[in-house]
Structures are given as C-alpha cells and as structure tokens.
PDB file of all heavy atoms in Angstrom:
ATOM      1  N   LYS A   1      20.376   3.019 -21.454  1.00  0.00           N
ATOM      2  CA  LYS A   1      20.229   1.715 -20.938  1.00  0.00           C
ATOM      3  C   LYS A   1      18.808   1.421 -20.271  1.00  0.00           C
ATOM      4  O   LYS A   1      18.592   0.227 -19.846  1.00  0.00           O
ATOM      5  CB  LYS A   1      21.267   1.319 -19.798  1.00  0.00           C
ATOM      6  CG  LYS A   1      22.701   1.364 -20.449  1.00  0.00           C
ATOM      7  CD  LYS A   1      23.723   1.047 -19.436  1.00  0.00           C
ATOM      8  CE  LYS A   1      25.105   1.096 -19.960  1.00  0.00           C
ATOM      9  NZ  LYS A   1      26.217   0.899 -18.922  1.00  0.00           N
ATOM     10  N   ILE A   2      18.009   2.430 -20.207  1.00  0.00           N
ATOM     11  CA  ILE A   2      16.684   2.274 -19.636  1.00  0.00           C
ATOM     12  C   ILE A   2      15.877   1.188 -20.333  1.00  0.00           C
ATOM     13  O   ILE A   2      15.802   1.165 -21.548  1.00  0.00           O
ATOM     14  CB  ILE A   2      15.889   3.601 -19.679  1.00  0.00           C
ATOM     15  CG1 ILE A   2      16.579   4.618 -18.761  1.00  0.00           C
ATOM     16  CG2 ILE A   2      14.448   3.533 -19.296  1.00  0.00           C
ATOM     17  CD1 ILE A   2      16.499   4.178 -17.234  1.00  0.00           C
ATOM     18  N   GLY A   3      15.248   0.296 -19.553  1.00  0.00           N
ATOM     19  CA  GLY A   3      14.575  -0.791 -20.131  1.00  0.00           C
ATOM     20  C   GLY A   3      15.386  -1.966 -20.612  1.00  0.00           C
ATOM     21  O   GLY A   3      14.791  -2.957 -21.059  1.00  0.00           O
ATOM     22  N   LYS A   4      16.781  -1.802 -20.487  1.00  0.00           N
ATOM     23  CA  LYS A   4      17.568  -2.908 -20.957  1.00  0.00           C
ATOM     24  C   LYS A   4      18.489  -3.526 -19.855  1.00  0.00           C
ATOM     25  O   LYS A   4      19.129  -4.520 -20.176  1.00  0.00           O
ATOM     26  CB  LYS A   4      18.405  -2.361 -22.080  1.00  0.00           C
ATOM     27  CG  LYS A   4      17.775  -1.605 -23.302  1.00  0.00           C
ATOM     28  CD  LYS A   4      18.672  -1.061 -24.166  1.00  0.00           C
ATOM     29  CE  LYS A   4      18.031  -0.291 -25.299  1.00  0.00           C
ATOM     30  NZ  LYS A   4      17.226   0.906 -24.906  1.00  0.00           N
ATOM     31  N   THR A   5      18.480  -3.011 -18.728  1.00  0.00           N
ATOM     32  CA  THR A   5      19.258  -3.507 -17.622  1.00  0.00           C
ATOM     33  C   THR A   5      18.454  -3.654 -16.393  1.00  0.00           C
ATOM     34  O   THR A   5      17.251  -3.364 -16.365  1.00  0.00           O
ATOM     35  CB  THR A   5      20.501  -2.478 -17.356  1.00  0.00           C
ATOM     36  OG1 THR A   5      19.908  -1.258 -17.014  1.00  0.00           O
ATOM     37  CG2 THR A   5      21.366  -2.322 -18.518  1.00  0.00           C
ATOM     38  N   SER A   6      19.087  -4.108 -15.303  1.00  0.00           N
ATOM     39  CA  SER A   6      18.432  -4.292 -14.078  1.00  0.00           C
ATOM     40  C   SER A   6      18.849  -3.150 -13.141  1.00  0.00           C
ATOM     41  O   SER A   6      19.869  -2.478 -13.299  1.00  0.00           O
ATOM     42  CB  SER A   6      18.697  -5.580 -13.425  1.00  0.00           C
ATOM     43  OG  SER A   6      20.052  -5.826 -13.222  1.00  0.00           O
ATOM     44  N   SER A   7      18.055  -2.907 -12.078  1.00  0.00           N
ATOM     45  CA  SER A   7      18.370  -1.925 -11.052  1.00  0.00           C
ATOM     46  C   SER A   7      18.433  -2.591  -9.694  1.00  0.00           C
ATOM     47  O   SER A   7      18.231  -3.732  -9.555  1.00  0.00           O
ATOM     48  CB  SER A   7      17.271  -0.897 -11.043  1.00  0.00           C
ATOM     49  OG  SER A   7      16.084  -1.422 -10.453  1.00  0.00           O
ATOM     50  N   HIS A   8      18.724  -1.790  -8.640  1.00  0.00           N
ATOM     51  CA  HIS A   8      18.816  -2.344  -7.342  1.00  0.00           C
ATOM     52  C   HIS A   8      17.366  -2.309  -6.597  1.00  0.00           C
ATOM     53  O   HIS A   8      17.345  -2.020  -5.439  1.00  0.00           O
ATOM     54  CB  HIS A   8      19.847  -1.585  -6.494  1.00  0.00           C
ATOM     55  CG  HIS A   8      21.289  -1.806  -6.943  1.00  0.00           C
ATOM     56  ND1 HIS A   8      21.885  -3.032  -6.882  1.00  0.00           N
ATOM     57  CD2 HIS A   8      22.083  -1.044  -7.569  1.00  0.00           C
ATOM     58  CE1 HIS A   8      23.063  -3.032  -7.364  1.00  0.00           C
ATOM     59  NE2 HIS A   8      23.269  -1.764  -7.839  1.00  0.00           N
ATOM     60  N   GLY A   9      16.379  -2.514  -7.367  1.00  0.00           N
ATOM     61  CA  GLY A   9      14.998  -2.641  -6.784  1.00  0.00           C
ATOM     62  C   GLY A   9      14.146  -1.334  -7.040  1.00  0.00           C
ATOM     63  O   GLY A   9      13.016  -1.381  -6.899  1.00  0.00           O
ATOM     64  N   CYS A  10      14.787  -0.258  -7.398  1.00  0.00           N
ATOM     65  CA  CYS A  10      14.080   1.010  -7.661  1.00  0.00           C
ATOM     66  C   CYS A  10      13.571   1.029  -8.994  1.00  0.00           C
ATOM     67  O   CYS A  10      13.766   0.154  -9.760  1.00  0.00           O
ATOM     68  CB  CYS A  10      14.961   2.177  -7.385  1.00  0.00           C
ATOM     69  SG  CYS A  10      15.364   2.471  -5.535  1.00  0.00           S
ATOM     70  N   VAL A  11      12.822   2.142  -9.371  1.00  0.00           N
ATOM     71  CA  VAL A  11      12.332   2.301 -10.699  1.00  0.00           C
ATOM     72  C   VAL A  11      13.136   3.438 -11.328  1.00  0.00           C
ATOM     73  O   VAL A  11      13.158   4.645 -10.872  1.00  0.00           O
ATOM     74  CB  VAL A  11      10.787   2.777 -10.662  1.00  0.00           C
ATOM     75  CG1 VAL A  11      10.337   3.003 -12.047  1.00  0.00           C
ATOM     76  CG2 VAL A  11       9.969   1.676  -9.923  1.00  0.00           C
ATOM     77  N   ARG A  12      13.866   3.138 -12.383  1.00  0.00           N
ATOM     78  CA  ARG A  12      14.763   4.000 -12.974  1.00  0.00           C
ATOM     79  C   ARG A  12      14.221   4.509 -14.357  1.00  0.00           C
ATOM     80  O   ARG A  12      13.848   3.745 -15.278  1.00  0.00           O
ATOM     81  CB  ARG A  12      16.105   3.300 -13.295  1.00  0.00           C
ATOM     82  CG  ARG A  12      17.183   4.199 -13.682  1.00  0.00           C
ATOM     83  CD  ARG A  12      18.464   3.350 -13.845  1.00  0.00           C
ATOM     84  NE  ARG A  12      18.826   2.744 -12.482  1.00  0.00           N
ATOM     85  CZ  ARG A  12      19.838   1.723 -12.401  1.00  0.00           C
ATOM     86  NH1 ARG A  12      20.468   1.240 -13.434  1.00  0.00           N
ATOM     87  NH2 ARG A  12      20.159   1.306 -11.241  1.00  0.00           N
ATOM     88  N   LEU A  13      14.273   5.879 -14.567  1.00  0.00           N
ATOM     89  CA  LEU A  13      13.768   6.492 -15.837  1.00  0.00           C
ATOM     90  C   LEU A  13      14.894   7.333 -16.321  1.00  0.00           C
ATOM     91  O   LEU A  13      15.858   7.617 -15.628  1.00  0.00           O
ATOM     92  CB  LEU A  13      12.604   7.398 -15.566  1.00  0.00           C
ATOM     93  CG  LEU A  13      11.372   6.778 -14.839  1.00  0.00           C
ATOM     94  CD1 LEU A  13      10.383   7.905 -14.587  1.00  0.00           C
ATOM     95  CD2 LEU A  13      10.809   5.635 -15.481  1.00  0.00           C
ATOM     96  N   THR A  14      14.838   7.836 -17.558  1.00  0.00           N
ATOM     97  CA  THR A  14      15.739   8.795 -17.997  1.00  0.00           C
ATOM     98  C   THR A  14      15.610  10.051 -17.154  1.00  0.00           C
ATOM     99  O   THR A  14      14.619  10.323 -16.520  1.00  0.00           O
ATOM    100  CB  THR A  14      15.525   9.209 -19.457  1.00  0.00           C
ATOM    101  OG1 THR A  14      14.262   9.948 -19.603  1.00  0.00           O
ATOM    102  CG2 THR A  14      15.494   7.948 -20.380  1.00  0.00           C
ATOM    103  N   ASN A  15      16.637  10.869 -17.079  1.00  0.00           N
ATOM    104  CA  ASN A  15      16.548  12.052 -16.310  1.00  0.00           C
ATOM    105  C   ASN A  15      15.395  13.036 -16.696  1.00  0.00           C
ATOM    106  O   ASN A  15      14.685  13.576 -15.919  1.00  0.00           O
ATOM    107  CB  ASN A  15      17.873  12.795 -16.325  1.00  0.00           C
ATOM    108  CG  ASN A  15      18.931  12.237 -15.377  1.00  0.00           C
ATOM    109  OD1 ASN A  15      18.583  11.645 -14.292  1.00  0.00           O
ATOM    110  ND2 ASN A  15      20.102  12.441 -15.752  1.00  0.00           N
ATOM    111  N   TRP A  16      15.246  13.108 -17.981  1.00  0.00           N
ATOM    112  CA  TRP A  16      14.129  14.079 -18.460  1.00  0.00           C
ATOM    113  C   TRP A  16      12.823  13.480 -18.191  1.00  0.00           C
ATOM    114  O   TRP A  16      11.851  14.209 -17.957  1.00  0.00           O
ATOM    115  CB  TRP A  16      14.328  14.431 -19.932  1.00  0.00           C
ATOM    116  CG  TRP A  16      14.405  13.231 -20.812  1.00  0.00           C
ATOM    117  CD1 TRP A  16      13.356  12.647 -21.518  1.00  0.00           C
ATOM    118  CD2 TRP A  16      15.643  12.672 -21.398  1.00  0.00           C
ATOM    119  NE1 TRP A  16      13.877  11.693 -22.320  1.00  0.00           N
ATOM    120  CE2 TRP A  16      15.221  11.636 -22.221  1.00  0.00           C
ATOM    121  CE3 TRP A  16      16.946  12.844 -21.153  1.00  0.00           C
ATOM    122  CZ2 TRP A  16      16.046  10.758 -22.952  1.00  0.00           C
ATOM    123  CZ3 TRP A  16      17.876  11.988 -21.743  1.00  0.00           C
ATOM    124  CH2 TRP A  16      17.427  11.004 -22.633  1.00  0.00           C
ATOM    125  N   ASP A  17      12.656  12.159 -18.362  1.00  0.00           N
ATOM    126  CA  ASP A  17      11.398  11.523 -18.056  1.00  0.00           C
ATOM    127  C   ASP A  17      11.045  11.646 -16.511  1.00  0.00           C
ATOM    128  O   ASP A  17       9.829  11.919 -16.093  1.00  0.00           O
ATOM    129  CB  ASP A  17      11.273  10.097 -18.435  1.00  0.00           C
ATOM    130  CG  ASP A  17      11.185   9.893 -19.968  1.00  0.00           C
ATOM    131  OD1 ASP A  17      10.789  10.997 -20.579  1.00  0.00           O
ATOM    132  OD2 ASP A  17      11.371   8.868 -20.464  1.00  0.00           O
ATOM    133  N   ALA A  18      12.050  11.453 -15.690  1.00  0.00           N
ATOM    134  CA  ALA A  18      11.810  11.483 -14.244  1.00  0.00           C
ATOM    135  C   ALA A  18      11.516  12.891 -13.799  1.00  0.00           C
ATOM    136  O   ALA A  18      10.736  13.092 -12.985  1.00  0.00           O
ATOM    137  CB  ALA A  18      13.102  10.988 -13.505  1.00  0.00           C
ATOM    138  N   THR A  19      12.190  13.938 -14.520  1.00  0.00           N
ATOM    139  CA  THR A  19      11.802  15.303 -14.205  1.00  0.00           C
ATOM    140  C   THR A  19      10.389  15.650 -14.582  1.00  0.00           C
ATOM    141  O   THR A  19       9.686  16.345 -13.827  1.00  0.00           O
ATOM    142  CB  THR A  19      12.812  16.171 -14.922  1.00  0.00           C
ATOM    143  OG1 THR A  19      14.123  16.012 -14.461  1.00  0.00           O
ATOM    144  CG2 THR A  19      12.538  17.694 -14.676  1.00  0.00           C
ATOM    145  N   GLU A  20       9.960  15.187 -15.744  1.00  0.00           N
ATOM    146  CA  GLU A  20       8.581  15.437 -16.205  1.00  0.00           C
ATOM    147  C   GLU A  20       7.567  14.822 -15.179  1.00  0.00           C
ATOM    148  O   GLU A  20       6.618  15.542 -14.833  1.00  0.00           O
ATOM    149  CB  GLU A  20       8.439  14.773 -17.589  1.00  0.00           C
ATOM    150  CG  GLU A  20       6.989  15.028 -18.213  1.00  0.00           C
ATOM    151  CD  GLU A  20       6.905  14.528 -19.585  1.00  0.00           C
ATOM    152  OE1 GLU A  20       7.401  15.315 -20.543  1.00  0.00           O
ATOM    153  OE2 GLU A  20       6.392  13.409 -19.824  1.00  0.00           O
ATOM    154  N   LEU A  21       7.870  13.589 -14.893  1.00  0.00           N
ATOM    155  CA  LEU A  21       6.942  12.918 -13.903  1.00  0.00           C
ATOM    156  C   LEU A  21       6.926  13.628 -12.559  1.00  0.00           C
ATOM    157  O   LEU A  21       5.874  13.788 -11.913  1.00  0.00           O
ATOM    158  CB  LEU A  21       7.285  11.480 -13.771  1.00  0.00           C
ATOM    159  CG  LEU A  21       6.419  10.583 -12.850  1.00  0.00           C
ATOM    160  CD1 LEU A  21       5.108  10.545 -13.319  1.00  0.00           C
ATOM    161  CD2 LEU A  21       6.968   9.247 -12.710  1.00  0.00           C
ATOM    162  N   ALA A  22       8.070  14.079 -12.097  1.00  0.00           N
ATOM    163  CA  ALA A  22       8.148  14.647 -10.811  1.00  0.00           C
ATOM    164  C   ALA A  22       7.281  15.952 -10.740  1.00  0.00           C
ATOM    165  O   ALA A  22       6.811  16.328  -9.637  1.00  0.00           O
ATOM    166  CB  ALA A  22       9.584  15.022 -10.390  1.00  0.00           C
ATOM    167  N   HIS A  23       7.084  16.611 -11.819  1.00  0.00           N
ATOM    168  CA  HIS A  23       6.329  17.826 -11.893  1.00  0.00           C
ATOM    169  C   HIS A  23       4.805  17.552 -11.969  1.00  0.00           C
ATOM    170  O   HIS A  23       3.995  18.467 -11.964  1.00  0.00           O
ATOM    171  CB  HIS A  23       6.775  18.752 -12.897  1.00  0.00           C
ATOM    172  CG  HIS A  23       8.178  19.482 -12.656  1.00  0.00           C
ATOM    173  ND1 HIS A  23       9.355  18.942 -12.907  1.00  0.00           N
ATOM    174  CD2 HIS A  23       8.344  20.639 -11.990  1.00  0.00           C
ATOM    175  CE1 HIS A  23      10.282  19.719 -12.525  1.00  0.00           C
ATOM    176  NE2 HIS A  23       9.733  20.826 -11.923  1.00  0.00           N
ATOM    177  N   MET A  24       4.543  16.298 -12.157  1.00  0.00           N
ATOM    178  CA  MET A  24       3.051  15.913 -12.214  1.00  0.00           C
ATOM    179  C   MET A  24       2.538  15.138 -11.070  1.00  0.00           C
ATOM    180  O   MET A  24       1.352  14.787 -11.043  1.00  0.00           O
ATOM    181  CB  MET A  24       2.860  15.207 -13.652  1.00  0.00           C
ATOM    182  CG  MET A  24       2.996  15.948 -14.861  1.00  0.00           C
ATOM    183  SD  MET A  24       2.421  15.129 -16.346  1.00  0.00           S
ATOM    184  CE  MET A  24       3.443  13.798 -16.495  1.00  0.00           C
ATOM    185  N   VAL A  25       3.383  14.820 -10.140  1.00  0.00           N
ATOM    186  CA  VAL A  25       2.907  14.011  -9.018  1.00  0.00           C
ATOM    187  C   VAL A  25       3.101  14.871  -7.747  1.00  0.00           C
ATOM    188  O   VAL A  25       3.784  15.850  -7.742  1.00  0.00           O
ATOM    189  CB  VAL A  25       3.737  12.707  -8.828  1.00  0.00           C
ATOM    190  CG1 VAL A  25       3.643  11.807 -10.103  1.00  0.00           C
ATOM    191  CG2 VAL A  25       5.271  13.072  -8.616  1.00  0.00           C
ATOM    192  N   LYS A  26       2.483  14.397  -6.620  1.00  0.00           N
ATOM    193  CA  LYS A  26       2.708  15.010  -5.383  1.00  0.00           C
ATOM    194  C   LYS A  26       2.599  13.928  -4.268  1.00  0.00           C
ATOM    195  O   LYS A  26       2.149  12.784  -4.584  1.00  0.00           O
ATOM    196  CB  LYS A  26       1.551  16.022  -5.101  1.00  0.00           C
ATOM    197  CG  LYS A  26       0.054  15.516  -5.247  1.00  0.00           C
ATOM    198  CD  LYS A  26      -0.939  16.639  -5.187  1.00  0.00           C
ATOM    199  CE  LYS A  26      -2.349  16.063  -5.283  1.00  0.00           C
ATOM    200  NZ  LYS A  26      -3.312  17.056  -5.274  1.00  0.00           N
ATOM    201  N   PRO A  27       2.952  14.192  -3.095  1.00  0.00           N
ATOM    202  CA  PRO A  27       2.850  13.085  -2.022  1.00  0.00           C
ATOM    203  C   PRO A  27       1.523  12.598  -1.852  1.00  0.00           C
ATOM    204  O   PRO A  27       0.468  13.333  -1.931  1.00  0.00           O
ATOM    205  CB  PRO A  27       3.359  13.890  -0.747  1.00  0.00           C
ATOM    206  CG  PRO A  27       4.241  14.950  -1.264  1.00  0.00           C
ATOM    207  CD  PRO A  27       3.679  15.458  -2.614  1.00  0.00           C
TER     208      PRO A  27
END
C-alpha cells in the first residue's frame, strides 16, 4: 500500500526500504 494510502502524518516506507535508509542516516 506504500504510495497508495494516507498515513497519520508520518513518512511510511516498506520495512526493507526503511531498514536500508536507517543504516545510511544518523542523528
């Protein structure tokens, strides 16, 4: 459903995309 529905204000990715991004960012 990513890109096809709405969220409660947050930014929602697939679990694998969020995991990939999490390992490339820092505070």
